[in-house]
């Protein structure tokens, strides 16, 4: 029986502890907890890029990120990214609410992020449930959104769509296990709603992001070395807090599609 400690009412849970870590062979209980809580923390794990890659195979094929500024592949393992922030360096992925790899089809499903080195204070990650957010909307708004698709592009709003990295996804999608519905939009990658202009889309996109990321639908995860965090990009947004100026951090990321 895995010990589960909820982080907040609608999202987030810690599985096991650093003293009594969850065996990663317990894939079905981990998968079940992830379906319920959408973001789970597994402390006390001893992993390297290869073991992270192998573990994440249980959640789907690997996403191979295209080459770009800040994208650093682990040597010999392009499915795993090295997210290294030096004291004077930039934070990969920026510091905005988003979900990983929404600009492709198939999209990013489950992200696994493993911590090797973390700052003494700071560098937390916030998570928000788009399921709780959708269920809090009025029936009329839910109905309207369920009829929309959104255009996701790697370069994001305000720029021409990235021809090779652009996908159209439904704004509302249903969780394959819980069958609950959630919103699938984020202001980092969504440029507009399909059939609408960028200007027409902006007000609704801004409203939806502000709605999803309310404290009532969110939780805050604090990092420690040897910690594996999994989250479902299809039903969450996350925000990497870039408040550890002058400190270093090293994480390994593997995204399943």
Protein backbone atom coordinates (compact mmCIF):
# COMPACT_ATOMS: atom_id res chain seq x y z
CA UNK A 1 0.00 0.00 0.00
CA UNK A 2 1.53 3.30 -1.12
CA UNK A 3 1.34 6.19 1.35
CA UNK A 4 -0.33 9.16 -0.39
CA UNK A 5 -0.27 12.70 1.03
CA UNK A 6 -2.32 15.27 -0.86
CA UNK A 7 -0.71 18.64 -1.58
CA UNK A 8 -3.98 20.49 -2.21
CA UNK A 9 -7.68 19.85 -2.64
CA UNK A 10 -7.73 19.51 -6.43
CA UNK A 11 -4.23 18.62 -7.55
CA UNK A 12 -0.95 17.19 -6.33
CA UNK A 13 0.14 14.35 -4.04
CA UNK A 14 3.34 12.98 -2.53
CA UNK A 15 3.76 9.21 -2.90
CA UNK A 16 5.86 7.63 -0.16
CA UNK A 17 8.74 9.57 1.40
CA UNK A 18 12.50 10.00 1.20
CA UNK A 19 12.80 7.53 4.10
CA UNK A 20 10.35 5.04 2.57
CA UNK A 21 10.43 5.63 -1.20
CA UNK A 22 7.94 4.04 -3.54
CA UNK A 23 9.50 1.26 -5.65
CA UNK A 24 9.32 2.37 -9.27
CA UNK A 25 8.31 -1.17 -10.17
CA UNK A 26 4.90 -0.34 -8.62
CA UNK A 27 3.83 1.20 -11.92
CA UNK A 28 0.08 0.57 -11.67
CA UNK A 29 -0.39 2.26 -8.26
CA UNK A 30 1.75 5.17 -9.51
CA UNK A 31 -0.33 5.38 -12.69
CA UNK A 32 -3.55 5.29 -10.65
CA UNK A 33 -2.36 8.05 -8.31
CA UNK A 34 -1.35 10.18 -11.28
CA UNK A 35 -4.79 9.76 -12.86
CA UNK A 36 -6.43 10.93 -9.63
CA UNK A 37 -4.06 13.72 -8.55
CA UNK A 38 -2.64 14.80 -11.96
CA UNK A 39 0.77 15.68 -10.46
CA UNK A 40 2.66 13.36 -8.11
CA UNK A 41 5.96 13.64 -6.25
CA UNK A 42 8.08 10.54 -5.56
CA UNK A 43 10.87 11.41 -3.10
CA UNK A 44 13.98 9.36 -2.42
CA UNK A 45 14.56 7.97 -5.91
CA UNK A 46 18.02 7.04 -7.21
CA UNK A 47 17.88 7.61 -10.95
CA UNK A 48 20.09 8.53 -13.86
CA UNK A 49 19.03 9.59 -17.37
CA UNK A 50 18.88 5.99 -18.60
CA UNK A 51 16.72 4.73 -15.73
CA UNK A 52 14.43 7.76 -16.12
CA UNK A 53 14.09 7.02 -19.83
CA UNK A 54 13.31 3.34 -19.17
CA UNK A 55 10.76 4.16 -16.44
CA UNK A 56 8.93 6.69 -18.62
CA UNK A 57 8.45 4.06 -21.34
CA UNK A 58 5.54 2.82 -19.21
CA UNK A 59 3.68 6.08 -19.98
CA UNK A 60 4.28 6.24 -23.72
CA UNK A 61 6.84 6.75 -26.47
CA UNK A 62 9.50 9.39 -25.94
CA UNK A 63 9.14 12.89 -27.33
CA UNK A 64 12.33 13.99 -29.07
CA UNK A 65 12.63 17.75 -28.72
CA UNK A 66 13.81 19.60 -31.81
CA UNK A 67 17.11 21.44 -31.58
CA UNK A 68 16.75 24.97 -30.27
CA UNK A 69 18.40 27.44 -27.95
CA UNK A 70 18.56 26.01 -24.44
CA UNK A 71 17.79 22.43 -25.54
CA UNK A 72 20.57 20.17 -24.21
CA UNK A 73 20.32 16.43 -24.84
CA UNK A 74 21.88 14.02 -22.37
CA UNK A 75 24.90 12.56 -24.15
CA UNK A 76 23.81 9.59 -26.24
CA UNK A 77 20.18 9.89 -25.10
CA UNK A 78 18.19 12.48 -27.11
CA UNK A 79 14.93 11.45 -25.41
CA UNK A 80 16.15 13.01 -22.13
CA UNK A 81 16.89 16.71 -21.75
CA UNK A 82 19.39 18.10 -19.28
CA UNK A 83 17.81 21.14 -17.66
CA UNK A 84 20.81 22.87 -16.14
CA UNK A 85 20.67 26.39 -14.75
CA UNK A 86 24.01 27.86 -13.73
CA UNK A 87 24.16 30.79 -11.30
CA UNK A 88 24.20 33.29 -14.17
CA UNK A 89 22.20 31.17 -16.65
CA UNK A 90 18.66 31.16 -18.04
CA UNK A 91 15.84 28.84 -16.99
CA UNK A 92 14.78 26.40 -19.72
CA UNK A 93 11.10 26.77 -20.58
CA UNK A 94 10.85 30.29 -19.24
CA UNK A 95 8.80 31.41 -16.28
CA UNK A 96 5.21 31.27 -17.53
CA UNK A 97 2.28 28.94 -17.04
CA UNK A 98 2.24 26.28 -19.77
CA UNK A 99 1.99 22.58 -20.60
CA UNK A 100 4.78 20.66 -22.32
CA UNK A 101 4.70 19.89 -26.05
CA UNK A 102 1.19 21.07 -26.90
CA UNK A 103 2.44 22.22 -30.32
CA UNK A 104 2.64 18.69 -31.74
CA UNK A 105 0.22 15.85 -32.44
CA UNK A 106 0.45 13.55 -30.59
CA UNK A 107 0.99 16.07 -27.83
CA UNK A 108 3.00 15.73 -24.65
CA UNK A 109 1.11 13.42 -22.29
CA UNK A 110 3.16 12.70 -19.15
CA UNK A 111 6.31 14.57 -18.09
CA UNK A 112 8.85 12.99 -15.76
CA UNK A 113 11.28 15.43 -14.14
CA UNK A 114 14.06 14.14 -11.89
CA UNK A 115 16.13 16.39 -9.63
CA UNK A 116 19.88 15.93 -9.29
CA UNK A 117 20.89 19.29 -7.81
CA UNK A 118 18.50 21.95 -6.50
CA UNK A 119 18.93 25.34 -4.82
CA UNK A 120 18.79 25.50 -1.04
CA UNK A 121 15.74 27.76 -1.29
CA UNK A 122 13.54 28.54 -4.27
CA UNK A 123 12.98 26.99 -7.67
CA UNK A 124 9.57 25.55 -6.77
CA UNK A 125 7.12 24.40 -9.44
CA UNK A 126 3.43 25.33 -9.34
CA UNK A 127 0.75 23.10 -10.85
CA UNK A 128 -2.87 23.88 -11.74
CA UNK A 129 -5.74 21.50 -12.55
CA UNK A 130 -7.59 22.28 -15.77
CA UNK A 131 -10.19 19.67 -14.75
CA UNK A 132 -11.16 21.51 -11.56
CA UNK A 133 -11.12 24.75 -13.53
CA UNK A 134 -13.44 23.39 -16.23
CA UNK A 135 -15.88 21.98 -13.70
CA UNK A 136 -16.11 25.39 -11.99
CA UNK A 137 -17.27 27.13 -15.18
CA UNK A 138 -20.92 27.78 -15.94
CA UNK A 139 -22.73 25.19 -18.09
CA UNK A 140 -23.12 27.72 -20.91
CA UNK A 141 -19.37 28.47 -20.93
CA UNK A 142 -18.56 24.75 -20.82
CA UNK A 143 -20.83 24.13 -23.78
CA UNK A 144 -19.29 26.97 -25.82
CA UNK A 145 -15.71 25.88 -25.10
CA UNK A 146 -16.47 22.24 -25.95
CA UNK A 147 -17.16 23.34 -29.52
CA UNK A 148 -13.80 25.05 -30.00
CA UNK A 149 -10.38 23.95 -31.22
CA UNK A 150 -7.18 25.88 -30.54
CA UNK A 151 -4.08 26.36 -32.66
CA UNK A 152 -0.86 25.61 -30.75
CA UNK A 153 2.45 26.78 -32.22
CA UNK A 154 5.98 26.53 -30.78
CA UNK A 155 6.79 30.21 -31.25
CA UNK A 156 3.60 31.24 -29.45
CA UNK A 157 1.29 34.26 -29.71
CA UNK A 158 2.40 37.39 -31.50
CA UNK A 159 4.61 35.55 -34.01
CA UNK A 160 3.92 33.71 -37.28
CA UNK A 161 2.89 30.11 -36.72
CA UNK A 162 5.86 27.74 -36.68
CA UNK A 163 5.05 25.67 -39.77
CA UNK A 164 6.74 22.47 -38.60
CA UNK A 165 5.66 22.69 -34.97
CA UNK A 166 1.99 23.62 -35.05
CA UNK A 167 -1.02 21.50 -34.10
CA UNK A 168 -4.76 21.95 -33.61
CA UNK A 169 -6.30 20.42 -30.47
CA UNK A 170 -9.77 20.48 -28.89
CA UNK A 171 -10.11 23.05 -26.13
CA UNK A 172 -11.95 20.52 -23.95
CA UNK A 173 -10.75 16.93 -23.63
CA UNK A 174 -11.81 13.96 -21.50
CA UNK A 175 -9.45 12.11 -19.16
CA UNK A 176 -9.05 8.52 -20.38
CA UNK A 177 -9.30 7.07 -16.85
CA UNK A 178 -11.45 9.36 -14.69
CA UNK A 179 -13.62 10.45 -17.68
CA UNK A 180 -13.70 13.97 -16.24
CA UNK A 181 -13.29 16.86 -18.68
CA UNK A 182 -10.57 19.48 -18.60
CA UNK A 183 -9.37 22.52 -20.52
CA UNK A 184 -6.44 22.27 -22.93
CA UNK A 185 -5.13 25.79 -23.52
CA UNK A 186 -2.08 27.76 -22.46
CA UNK A 187 -0.85 31.23 -23.34
CA UNK A 188 2.71 30.12 -24.08
CA UNK A 189 1.79 28.10 -27.18
CA UNK A 190 -1.84 28.80 -28.17
CA UNK A 191 -1.94 31.51 -30.81
CA UNK A 192 -5.67 31.61 -31.45
CA UNK A 193 -8.86 29.60 -31.59
CA UNK A 194 -9.48 27.82 -34.87
CA UNK A 195 -11.74 30.00 -37.03
CA UNK A 196 -10.99 33.16 -34.99
CA UNK A 197 -8.40 35.89 -35.33
CA UNK A 198 -5.60 36.39 -32.85
CA UNK A 199 -7.25 39.57 -31.57
CA UNK A 200 -10.62 37.85 -31.12
CA UNK A 201 -8.97 34.97 -29.25
CA UNK A 202 -6.80 36.94 -26.84
CA UNK A 203 -9.45 38.02 -24.34
CA UNK A 204 -10.83 34.50 -23.97
CA UNK A 205 -7.34 32.96 -23.70
CA UNK A 206 -6.38 35.46 -21.02
CA UNK A 207 -9.56 34.72 -19.09
CA UNK A 208 -9.04 30.96 -19.27
CA UNK A 209 -5.42 31.10 -18.08
CA UNK A 210 -6.35 33.38 -15.17
CA UNK A 211 -9.23 31.03 -14.32
CA UNK A 212 -7.19 27.81 -14.48
CA UNK A 213 -4.31 29.18 -12.40
CA UNK A 214 -6.37 30.42 -9.45
CA UNK A 215 -4.95 29.31 -6.08
CA UNK A 216 -8.08 27.23 -5.51
CA UNK A 217 -7.12 24.92 -8.40
CA UNK A 218 -3.36 24.91 -7.76
CA UNK A 219 -0.60 23.43 -5.63
CA UNK A 220 3.08 24.16 -5.06
CA UNK A 221 5.80 21.51 -5.31
CA UNK A 222 9.13 22.02 -3.54
CA UNK A 223 12.18 20.25 -4.90
CA UNK A 224 14.73 18.10 -3.13
CA UNK A 225 17.59 16.07 -4.62
CA UNK A 226 16.58 12.59 -5.76
CA UNK A 227 12.96 13.53 -6.37
CA UNK A 228 10.89 12.37 -9.34
CA UNK A 229 7.85 14.44 -10.27
CA UNK A 230 5.27 13.25 -12.80
CA UNK A 231 2.44 15.31 -14.21
CA UNK A 232 -0.23 15.00 -16.89
CA UNK A 233 0.24 17.81 -19.41
CA UNK A 234 -3.18 17.16 -20.93
CA UNK A 235 -5.01 18.31 -17.78
CA UNK A 236 -2.57 20.62 -15.99
CA UNK A 237 -0.54 23.76 -16.39
CA UNK A 238 2.76 24.26 -14.57
CA UNK A 239 4.86 27.27 -13.67
CA UNK A 240 8.61 26.97 -12.95
CA UNK A 241 9.42 29.65 -10.39
CA UNK A 242 12.69 31.37 -11.36
CA UNK A 243 13.60 32.89 -7.99
CA UNK A 244 16.96 31.21 -7.29
CA UNK A 245 19.32 33.88 -8.55
CA UNK A 246 22.98 33.00 -8.10
CA UNK A 247 22.29 29.32 -7.44
CA UNK A 248 22.53 26.20 -9.60
CA UNK A 249 20.02 23.50 -10.49
CA UNK A 250 20.18 20.31 -12.54
CA UNK A 251 17.13 18.30 -13.59
CA UNK A 252 16.53 15.56 -16.18
CA UNK A 253 13.32 15.68 -18.23
CA UNK A 254 11.63 12.96 -20.24
CA UNK A 255 8.23 13.55 -21.90
CA UNK A 256 5.97 10.70 -23.02
CA UNK A 257 3.51 11.27 -25.87
